[in-house]
Amino acid sequence: MYALVNAVTFWRAIDELGRYVKPLLVGWAIARAARGREMMAVLTVAITATAWIFAIYASWLLANLGGGRINIPDFAMTSMFCQ
């Protein structure tokens, strides 16, 4: 593949397709499935996107504010018998 097109151009084209064409196709499919109920489709997509953005933001906050630490006990045999 890289003999025809260099890697940067190829992956940039794939990124553009994923960024612009995929949402267009998803929106078109939802609009086709929800004929006569367009507002319900718009609200469903908006709520899903908002929840996704909120989840990403919340995970970023937990990671950067130090609140996301989870203590997992070590169940190795050496820590259990050699204290």
PDB file of N, CA and C in Angstrom:
ATOM      1  N   MET A   1       0.819  -1.194   0.000  1.00  0.00           N
ATOM      2  CA  MET A   1       0.000   0.000   0.000  1.00  0.00           C
ATOM      3  C   MET A   1       0.858   1.252   0.000  1.00  0.00           C
ATOM      4  N   TYR A   2       1.942   1.247   0.783  1.00  0.00           N
ATOM      5  CA  TYR A   2       2.761   2.450   0.893  1.00  0.00           C
ATOM      6  C   TYR A   2       3.586   2.702  -0.368  1.00  0.00           C
ATOM      7  N   ALA A   3       3.625   1.743  -1.293  1.00  0.00           N
ATOM      8  CA  ALA A   3       4.304   1.988  -2.558  1.00  0.00           C
ATOM      9  C   ALA A   3       3.488   2.946  -3.428  1.00  0.00           C
ATOM     10  N   LEU A   4       2.180   2.949  -3.262  1.00  0.00           N
ATOM     11  CA  LEU A   4       1.320   3.834  -4.048  1.00  0.00           C
ATOM     12  C   LEU A   4       1.162   5.202  -3.408  1.00  0.00           C
ATOM     13  N   VAL A   5       1.032   5.231  -2.082  1.00  0.00           N
ATOM     14  CA  VAL A   5       0.804   6.469  -1.333  1.00  0.00           C
ATOM     15  C   VAL A   5       1.656   6.380  -0.071  1.00  0.00           C
ATOM     16  N   ASN A   6       2.244   7.492   0.332  1.00  0.00           N
ATOM     17  CA  ASN A   6       3.049   7.420   1.552  1.00  0.00           C
ATOM     18  C   ASN A   6       2.157   7.284   2.775  1.00  0.00           C
ATOM     19  N   ALA A   7       2.734   6.866   3.881  1.00  0.00           N
ATOM     20  CA  ALA A   7       1.965   6.521   5.078  1.00  0.00           C
ATOM     21  C   ALA A   7       1.240   7.721   5.668  1.00  0.00           C
ATOM     22  N   VAL A   8       1.870   8.880   5.664  1.00  0.00           N
ATOM     23  CA  VAL A   8       1.245  10.062   6.265  1.00  0.00           C
ATOM     24  C   VAL A   8      -0.027  10.442   5.515  1.00  0.00           C
ATOM     25  N   THR A   9       0.037  10.448   4.201  1.00  0.00           N
ATOM     26  CA  THR A   9      -1.140  10.790   3.396  1.00  0.00           C
ATOM     27  C   THR A   9      -2.248   9.758   3.588  1.00  0.00           C
ATOM     28  N   PHE A  10      -1.876   8.485   3.620  1.00  0.00           N
ATOM     29  CA  PHE A  10      -2.861   7.421   3.790  1.00  0.00           C
ATOM     30  C   PHE A  10      -3.591   7.545   5.127  1.00  0.00           C
ATOM     31  N   TRP A  11      -2.845   7.663   6.226  1.00  0.00           N
ATOM     32  CA  TRP A  11      -3.478   7.715   7.543  1.00  0.00           C
ATOM     33  C   TRP A  11      -4.204   9.034   7.765  1.00  0.00           C
ATOM     34  N   ARG A  12      -3.751  10.108   7.134  1.00  0.00           N
ATOM     35  CA  ARG A  12      -4.475  11.368   7.227  1.00  0.00           C
ATOM     36  C   ARG A  12      -5.829  11.255   6.516  1.00  0.00           C
ATOM     37  N   ALA A  13      -5.873  10.567   5.380  1.00  0.00           N
ATOM     38  CA  ALA A  13      -7.134  10.352   4.675  1.00  0.00           C
ATOM     39  C   ALA A  13      -8.079   9.476   5.497  1.00  0.00           C
ATOM     40  N   ILE A  14      -7.540   8.439   6.138  1.00  0.00           N
ATOM     41  CA  ILE A  14      -8.364   7.583   6.991  1.00  0.00           C
ATOM     42  C   ILE A  14      -8.922   8.388   8.164  1.00  0.00           C
ATOM     43  N   ASP A  15      -8.103   9.258   8.749  1.00  0.00           N
ATOM     44  CA  ASP A  15      -8.555  10.098   9.855  1.00  0.00           C
ATOM     45  C   ASP A  15      -9.657  11.053   9.417  1.00  0.00           C
ATOM     46  N   GLU A  16      -9.515  11.633   8.242  1.00  0.00           N
ATOM     47  CA  GLU A  16     -10.545  12.542   7.732  1.00  0.00           C
ATOM     48  C   GLU A  16     -11.850  11.790   7.482  1.00  0.00           C
ATOM     49  N   LEU A  17     -11.766  10.587   6.960  1.00  0.00           N
ATOM     50  CA  LEU A  17     -12.981   9.787   6.759  1.00  0.00           C
ATOM     51  C   LEU A  17     -13.673   9.509   8.084  1.00  0.00           C
ATOM     52  N   GLY A  18     -12.902   9.131   9.080  1.00  0.00           N
ATOM     53  CA  GLY A  18     -13.482   8.845  10.387  1.00  0.00           C
ATOM     54  C   GLY A  18     -14.044  10.079  11.062  1.00  0.00           C
ATOM     55  N   ARG A  19     -13.464  11.221  10.783  1.00  0.00           N
ATOM     56  CA  ARG A  19     -13.884  12.449  11.441  1.00  0.00           C
ATOM     57  C   ARG A  19     -15.106  13.081  10.786  1.00  0.00           C
ATOM     58  N   TYR A  20     -15.239  12.973   9.464  1.00  0.00           N
ATOM     59  CA  TYR A  20     -16.310  13.678   8.762  1.00  0.00           C
ATOM     60  C   TYR A  20     -17.341  12.762   8.115  1.00  0.00           C
ATOM     61  N   VAL A  21     -16.918  11.676   7.526  1.00  0.00           N
ATOM     62  CA  VAL A  21     -17.848  10.825   6.790  1.00  0.00           C
ATOM     63  C   VAL A  21     -18.638   9.917   7.722  1.00  0.00           C
ATOM     64  N   LYS A  22     -17.986   9.373   8.748  1.00  0.00           N
ATOM     65  CA  LYS A  22     -18.678   8.458   9.658  1.00  0.00           C
ATOM     66  C   LYS A  22     -19.844   9.135  10.392  1.00  0.00           C
ATOM     67  N   PRO A  23     -19.674  10.343  10.972  1.00  0.00           N
ATOM     68  CA  PRO A  23     -20.840  10.981  11.598  1.00  0.00           C
ATOM     69  C   PRO A  23     -21.954  11.291  10.605  1.00  0.00           C
ATOM     70  N   LEU A  24     -21.582  11.609   9.370  1.00  0.00           N
ATOM     71  CA  LEU A  24     -22.577  11.865   8.344  1.00  0.00           C
ATOM     72  C   LEU A  24     -23.391  10.613   8.054  1.00  0.00           C
ATOM     73  N   LEU A  25     -22.708   9.469   7.954  1.00  0.00           N
ATOM     74  CA  LEU A  25     -23.408   8.215   7.699  1.00  0.00           C
ATOM     75  C   LEU A  25     -24.272   7.786   8.885  1.00  0.00           C
ATOM     76  N   VAL A  26     -23.782   8.004  10.107  1.00  0.00           N
ATOM     77  CA  VAL A  26     -24.576   7.671  11.295  1.00  0.00           C
ATOM     78  C   VAL A  26     -25.827   8.549  11.354  1.00  0.00           C
ATOM     79  N   GLY A  27     -25.658   9.841  11.104  1.00  0.00           N
ATOM     80  CA  GLY A  27     -26.811  10.741  11.089  1.00  0.00           C
ATOM     81  C   GLY A  27     -27.817  10.383  10.013  1.00  0.00           C
ATOM     82  N   TRP A  28     -27.329  10.007   8.846  1.00  0.00           N
ATOM     83  CA  TRP A  28     -28.223   9.615   7.764  1.00  0.00           C
ATOM     84  C   TRP A  28     -28.997   8.357   8.137  1.00  0.00           C
ATOM     85  N   ALA A  29     -28.314   7.377   8.741  1.00  0.00           N
ATOM     86  CA  ALA A  29     -28.986   6.129   9.126  1.00  0.00           C
ATOM     87  C   ALA A  29     -30.033   6.384  10.205  1.00  0.00           C
ATOM     88  N   ILE A  30     -29.719   7.253  11.164  1.00  0.00           N
ATOM     89  CA  ILE A  30     -30.692   7.561  12.218  1.00  0.00           C
ATOM     90  C   ILE A  30     -31.886   8.302  11.630  1.00  0.00           C
ATOM     91  N   ALA A  31     -31.640   9.223  10.726  1.00  0.00           N
ATOM     92  CA  ALA A  31     -32.742   9.962  10.100  1.00  0.00           C
ATOM     93  C   ALA A  31     -33.635   9.041   9.276  1.00  0.00           C
ATOM     94  N   ARG A  32     -33.036   8.064   8.601  1.00  0.00           N
ATOM     95  CA  ARG A  32     -33.841   7.112   7.827  1.00  0.00           C
ATOM     96  C   ARG A  32     -34.686   6.231   8.740  1.00  0.00           C
ATOM     97  N   ALA A  33     -34.120   5.829   9.873  1.00  0.00           N
ATOM     98  CA  ALA A  33     -34.839   4.940  10.778  1.00  0.00           C
ATOM     99  C   ALA A  33     -35.930   5.668  11.550  1.00  0.00           C
ATOM    100  N   ALA A  34     -35.779   6.965  11.745  1.00  0.00           N
ATOM    101  CA  ALA A  34     -36.711   7.713  12.594  1.00  0.00           C
ATOM    102  C   ALA A  34     -37.561   8.675  11.771  1.00  0.00           C
ATOM    103  N   ARG A  35     -38.049   8.257  10.650  1.00  0.00           N
ATOM    104  CA  ARG A  35     -38.898   9.130   9.848  1.00  0.00           C
ATOM    105  C   ARG A  35     -40.172   9.467  10.607  1.00  0.00           C
ATOM    106  N   GLY A  36     -40.466  10.753  10.687  1.00  0.00           N
ATOM    107  CA  GLY A  36     -41.634  11.207  11.423  1.00  0.00           C
ATOM    108  C   GLY A  36     -41.357  11.438  12.898  1.00  0.00           C
ATOM    109  N   ARG A  37     -40.201  10.997  13.374  1.00  0.00           N
ATOM    110  CA  ARG A  37     -39.819  11.186  14.779  1.00  0.00           C
ATOM    111  C   ARG A  37     -38.432  11.820  14.847  1.00  0.00           C
ATOM    112  N   GLU A  38     -38.226  12.852  14.064  1.00  0.00           N
ATOM    113  CA  GLU A  38     -36.900  13.451  13.958  1.00  0.00           C
ATOM    114  C   GLU A  38     -36.412  14.022  15.282  1.00  0.00           C
ATOM    115  N   MET A  39     -37.321  14.622  16.037  1.00  0.00           N
ATOM    116  CA  MET A  39     -36.911  15.243  17.300  1.00  0.00           C
ATOM    117  C   MET A  39     -36.436  14.187  18.301  1.00  0.00           C
ATOM    118  N   MET A  40     -37.064  13.035  18.297  1.00  0.00           N
ATOM    119  CA  MET A  40     -36.639  11.952  19.178  1.00  0.00           C
ATOM    120  C   MET A  40     -35.239  11.478  18.797  1.00  0.00           C
ATOM    121  N   ALA A  41     -34.958  11.399  17.507  1.00  0.00           N
ATOM    122  CA  ALA A  41     -33.631  10.992  17.065  1.00  0.00           C
ATOM    123  C   ALA A  41     -32.588  12.025  17.455  1.00  0.00           C
ATOM    124  N   VAL A  42     -32.901  13.296  17.293  1.00  0.00           N
ATOM    125  CA  VAL A  42     -31.960  14.359  17.652  1.00  0.00           C
ATOM    126  C   VAL A  42     -31.681  14.342  19.154  1.00  0.00           C
ATOM    127  N   LEU A  43     -32.716  14.186  19.963  1.00  0.00           N
ATOM    128  CA  LEU A  43     -32.525  14.159  21.414  1.00  0.00           C
ATOM    129  C   LEU A  43     -31.720  12.939  21.849  1.00  0.00           C
ATOM    130  N   THR A  44     -31.959  11.804  21.235  1.00  0.00           N
ATOM    131  CA  THR A  44     -31.212  10.601  21.582  1.00  0.00           C
ATOM    132  C   THR A  44     -29.725  10.762  21.281  1.00  0.00           C
ATOM    133  N   VAL A  45     -29.427  11.285  20.105  1.00  0.00           N
ATOM    134  CA  VAL A  45     -28.022  11.487  19.742  1.00  0.00           C
ATOM    135  C   VAL A  45     -27.388  12.543  20.634  1.00  0.00           C
ATOM    136  N   ALA A  46     -28.101  13.617  20.943  1.00  0.00           N
ATOM    137  CA  ALA A  46     -27.550  14.676  21.790  1.00  0.00           C
ATOM    138  C   ALA A  46     -27.287  14.175  23.207  1.00  0.00           C
ATOM    139  N   ILE A  47     -28.199  13.402  23.761  1.00  0.00           N
ATOM    140  CA  ILE A  47     -28.012  12.866  25.108  1.00  0.00           C
ATOM    141  C   ILE A  47     -26.841  11.890  25.134  1.00  0.00           C
ATOM    142  N   THR A  48     -26.717  11.054  24.120  1.00  0.00           N
ATOM    143  CA  THR A  48     -25.612  10.108  24.055  1.00  0.00           C
ATOM    144  C   THR A  48     -24.279  10.837  23.934  1.00  0.00           C
ATOM    145  N   ALA A  49     -24.219  11.833  23.074  1.00  0.00           N
ATOM    146  CA  ALA A  49     -22.977  12.591  22.905  1.00  0.00           C
ATOM    147  C   ALA A  49     -22.619  13.349  24.178  1.00  0.00           C
ATOM    148  N   THR A  50     -23.621  13.926  24.843  1.00  0.00           N
ATOM    149  CA  THR A  50     -23.362  14.652  26.084  1.00  0.00           C
ATOM    150  C   THR A  50     -22.865  13.713  27.174  1.00  0.00           C
ATOM    151  N   ALA A  51     -23.458  12.547  27.284  1.00  0.00           N
ATOM    152  CA  ALA A  51     -23.002  11.571  28.283  1.00  0.00           C
ATOM    153  C   ALA A  51     -21.579  11.123  27.989  1.00  0.00           C
ATOM    154  N   TRP A  52     -21.247  10.939  26.716  1.00  0.00           N
ATOM    155  CA  TRP A  52     -19.904  10.529  26.332  1.00  0.00           C
ATOM    156  C   TRP A  52     -18.888  11.613  26.692  1.00  0.00           C
ATOM    157  N   ILE A  53     -19.207  12.869  26.381  1.00  0.00           N
ATOM    158  CA  ILE A  53     -18.313  13.983  26.706  1.00  0.00           C
ATOM    159  C   ILE A  53     -18.164  14.122  28.221  1.00  0.00           C
ATOM    160  N   PHE A  54     -19.253  13.968  28.958  1.00  0.00           N
ATOM    161  CA  PHE A  54     -19.195  14.046  30.415  1.00  0.00           C
ATOM    162  C   PHE A  54     -18.320  12.936  30.991  1.00  0.00           C
ATOM    163  N   ALA A  55     -18.427  11.725  30.446  1.00  0.00           N
ATOM    164  CA  ALA A  55     -17.615  10.614  30.934  1.00  0.00           C
ATOM    165  C   ALA A  55     -16.137  10.864  30.671  1.00  0.00           C
ATOM    166  N   ILE A  56     -15.807  11.394  29.515  1.00  0.00           N
ATOM    167  CA  ILE A  56     -14.403  11.696  29.208  1.00  0.00           C
ATOM    168  C   ILE A  56     -13.892  12.788  30.133  1.00  0.00           C
ATOM    169  N   TYR A  57     -14.688  13.830  30.352  1.00  0.00           N
ATOM    170  CA  TYR A  57     -14.276  14.928  31.217  1.00  0.00           C
ATOM    171  C   TYR A  57     -14.133  14.456  32.668  1.00  0.00           C
ATOM    172  N   ALA A  58     -15.055  13.629  33.129  1.00  0.00           N
ATOM    173  CA  ALA A  58     -14.977  13.122  34.504  1.00  0.00           C
ATOM    174  C   ALA A  58     -13.752  12.238  34.690  1.00  0.00           C
ATOM    175  N   SER A  59     -13.429  11.418  33.712  1.00  0.00           N
ATOM    176  CA  SER A  59     -12.240  10.581  33.844  1.00  0.00           C
ATOM    177  C   SER A  59     -10.975  11.427  33.816  1.00  0.00           C
ATOM    178  N   TRP A  60     -10.972  12.503  33.039  1.00  0.00           N
ATOM    179  CA  TRP A  60      -9.825  13.408  33.032  1.00  0.00           C
ATOM    180  C   TRP A  60      -9.670  14.086  34.387  1.00  0.00           C
ATOM    181  N   LEU A  61     -10.802  14.507  34.970  1.00  0.00           N
ATOM    182  CA  LEU A  61     -10.742  15.134  36.290  1.00  0.00           C
ATOM    183  C   LEU A  61     -10.222  14.169  37.343  1.00  0.00           C
ATOM    184  N   LEU A  62     -10.702  12.956  37.327  1.00  0.00           N
ATOM    185  CA  LEU A  62     -10.235  11.963  38.296  1.00  0.00           C
ATOM    186  C   LEU A  62      -8.748  11.678  38.133  1.00  0.00           C
ATOM    187  N   ALA A  63      -8.292  11.620  36.903  1.00  0.00           N
ATOM    188  CA  ALA A  63      -6.883  11.313  36.671  1.00  0.00           C
ATOM    189  C   ALA A  63      -5.984  12.472  37.068  1.00  0.00           C
ATOM    190  N   ASN A  64      -6.431  13.709  36.853  1.00  0.00           N
ATOM    191  CA  ASN A  64      -5.560  14.855  37.100  1.00  0.00           C
ATOM    192  C   ASN A  64      -5.681  15.449  38.494  1.00  0.00           C
ATOM    193  N   LEU A  65      -6.747  15.176  39.191  1.00  0.00           N
ATOM    194  CA  LEU A  65      -6.909  15.712  40.532  1.00  0.00           C
ATOM    195  C   LEU A  65      -6.492  14.715  41.612  1.00  0.00           C
ATOM    196  N   GLY A  66      -6.072  13.550  41.219  1.00  0.00           N
ATOM    197  CA  GLY A  66      -5.605  12.562  42.185  1.00  0.00           C
ATOM    198  C   GLY A  66      -6.727  11.799  42.847  1.00  0.00           C
ATOM    199  N   GLY A  67      -7.941  11.948  42.400  1.00  0.00           N
ATOM    200  CA  GLY A  67      -9.060  11.239  43.010  1.00  0.00           C
ATOM    201  C   GLY A  67      -9.303   9.875  42.422  1.00  0.00           C
ATOM    202  N   GLY A  68      -8.569   9.518  41.404  1.00  0.00           N
ATOM    203  CA  GLY A  68      -8.805   8.256  40.723  1.00  0.00           C
ATOM    204  C   GLY A  68      -7.910   7.131  41.174  1.00  0.00           C
ATOM    205  N   ARG A  69      -7.333   7.232  42.358  1.00  0.00           N
ATOM    206  CA  ARG A  69      -6.445   6.175  42.834  1.00  0.00           C
ATOM    207  C   ARG A  69      -7.259   5.032  43.428  1.00  0.00           C
ATOM    208  N   ILE A  70      -6.976   3.859  42.947  1.00  0.00           N
ATOM    209  CA  ILE A  70      -7.649   2.665  43.443  1.00  0.00           C
ATOM    210  C   ILE A  70      -6.573   1.758  44.019  1.00  0.00           C
ATOM    211  N   ASN A  71      -6.696   1.425  45.288  1.00  0.00           N
ATOM    212  CA  ASN A  71      -5.717   0.546  45.924  1.00  0.00           C
ATOM    213  C   ASN A  71      -6.119  -0.901  45.691  1.00  0.00           C
ATOM    214  N   ILE A  72      -5.287  -1.606  44.952  1.00  0.00           N
ATOM    215  CA  ILE A  72      -5.534  -3.013  44.669  1.00  0.00           C
ATOM    216  C   ILE A  72      -4.573  -3.808  45.537  1.00  0.00           C
ATOM    217  N   PRO A  73      -5.080  -4.680  46.392  1.00  0.00           N
ATOM    218  CA  PRO A  73      -4.172  -5.436  47.267  1.00  0.00           C
ATOM    219  C   PRO A  73      -3.308  -6.391  46.462  1.00  0.00           C
ATOM    220  N   ASP A  74      -2.110  -6.601  46.952  1.00  0.00           N
ATOM    221  CA  ASP A  74      -1.175  -7.495  46.299  1.00  0.00           C
ATOM    222  C   ASP A  74      -1.376  -8.898  46.853  1.00  0.00           C
ATOM    223  N   PHE A  75      -1.793  -9.818  46.016  1.00  0.00           N
ATOM    224  CA  PHE A  75      -2.055 -11.176  46.448  1.00  0.00           C
ATOM    225  C   PHE A  75      -0.927 -12.131  46.070  1.00  0.00           C
ATOM    226  N   ALA A  76       0.280 -11.576  45.910  1.00  0.00           N
ATOM    227  CA  ALA A  76       1.414 -12.433  45.604  1.00  0.00           C
ATOM    228  C   ALA A  76       1.759 -13.292  46.815  1.00  0.00           C
ATOM    229  N   MET A  77       2.306 -14.471  46.566  1.00  0.00           N
ATOM    230  CA  MET A  77       2.626 -15.380  47.649  1.00  0.00           C
ATOM    231  C   MET A  77       3.691 -14.805  48.579  1.00  0.00           C
ATOM    232  N   THR A  78       4.643 -14.065  48.030  1.00  0.00           N
ATOM    233  CA  THR A  78       5.701 -13.518  48.880  1.00  0.00           C
ATOM    234  C   THR A  78       5.153 -12.482  49.834  1.00  0.00           C
ATOM    235  N   SER A  79       4.189 -11.689  49.386  1.00  0.00           N
ATOM    236  CA  SER A  79       3.641 -10.664  50.295  1.00  0.00           C
ATOM    237  C   SER A  79       2.707 -11.272  51.325  1.00  0.00           C
ATOM    238  N   MET A  80       2.147 -12.439  51.030  1.00  0.00           N
ATOM    239  CA  MET A  80       1.238 -13.070  51.974  1.00  0.00           C
ATOM    240  C   MET A  80       1.969 -13.831  53.066  1.00  0.00           C
ATOM    241  N   PHE A  81       3.110 -14.447  52.740  1.00  0.00           N
ATOM    242  CA  PHE A  81       3.810 -15.280  53.711  1.00  0.00           C
ATOM    243  C   PHE A  81       5.088 -14.677  54.265  1.00  0.00           C
ATOM    244  N   CYS A  82       5.676 -13.723  53.569  1.00  0.00           N
ATOM    245  CA  CYS A  82       6.950 -13.138  54.016  1.00  0.00           C
ATOM    246  C   CYS A  82       6.741 -11.668  54.368  1.00  0.00           C
ATOM    247  N   GLN A  83       6.224 -11.418  55.547  1.00  0.00           N
ATOM    248  CA  GLN A  83       5.970 -10.040  55.914  1.00  0.00           C
ATOM    249  C   GLN A  83       7.042  -9.483  56.747  1.00  0.00           C
TER     250      GLN A  83
END
